[in-house]
């Protein structure tokens, strides 16, 4: 079973693919930022801290 973060990332990737076809760079940017944050959570890292 997938963790909640991985499942959410899958949905965000699908949303990002749809947003790429739109004319809205802001939507693309916001979804990409959500994906970056989810990546940190999945990897168990905290942004801005040296591991």
Protein backbone atom coordinates (compact mmCIF):
# COMPACT_ATOMS: atom_id res chain seq x y z
CA UNK A 1 0.00 0.00 0.00
CA UNK A 2 1.27 3.48 -0.87
CA UNK A 3 1.84 6.06 1.81
CA UNK A 4 -0.44 9.09 1.78
CA UNK A 5 2.42 11.34 0.63
CA UNK A 6 3.26 9.13 -2.35
CA UNK A 7 -0.38 8.87 -3.37
CA UNK A 8 -0.75 12.64 -3.10
CA UNK A 9 2.40 13.11 -5.19
CA UNK A 10 0.92 10.84 -7.88
CA UNK A 11 -2.18 13.04 -8.02
CA UNK A 12 -0.09 16.22 -8.11
CA UNK A 13 1.98 14.85 -10.99
CA UNK A 14 -1.22 14.10 -12.91
CA UNK A 15 -2.49 17.62 -12.15
CA UNK A 16 0.82 19.11 -13.25
CA UNK A 17 0.62 17.24 -16.56
CA UNK A 18 -2.84 18.75 -17.12
CA UNK A 19 -1.62 22.21 -16.07
CA UNK A 20 1.25 22.05 -18.56
CA UNK A 21 -1.36 22.12 -21.33
CA UNK A 22 -3.00 25.21 -19.88
CA UNK A 23 -1.97 28.80 -20.30
CA UNK A 24 -1.56 29.30 -16.55
CA UNK A 25 2.06 29.49 -15.43
CA UNK A 26 0.91 30.25 -11.88
CA UNK A 27 -0.96 26.95 -11.62
CA UNK A 28 2.09 25.12 -12.99
CA UNK A 29 4.31 26.89 -10.47
CA UNK A 30 2.05 26.17 -7.48
CA UNK A 31 1.74 22.48 -8.33
CA UNK A 32 5.50 22.17 -8.85
CA UNK A 33 6.11 23.75 -5.42
CA UNK A 34 3.69 21.27 -3.84
CA UNK A 35 5.61 18.44 -5.52
CA UNK A 36 8.92 19.74 -4.19
CA UNK A 37 7.54 19.90 -0.64
CA UNK A 38 6.09 16.39 -0.97
CA UNK A 39 9.46 15.17 -2.19
CA UNK A 40 11.10 16.49 0.96
CA UNK A 41 8.47 14.77 3.12
CA UNK A 42 8.78 11.47 1.26
CA UNK A 43 12.58 11.58 1.54
CA UNK A 44 12.37 12.47 5.24
CA UNK A 45 14.31 15.70 4.75
CA UNK A 46 13.65 19.18 5.99
CA UNK A 47 14.17 22.05 3.54
CA UNK A 48 17.02 24.37 4.49
CA UNK A 49 18.78 21.94 6.83
CA UNK A 50 22.07 20.25 6.05
CA UNK A 51 21.63 16.49 6.36
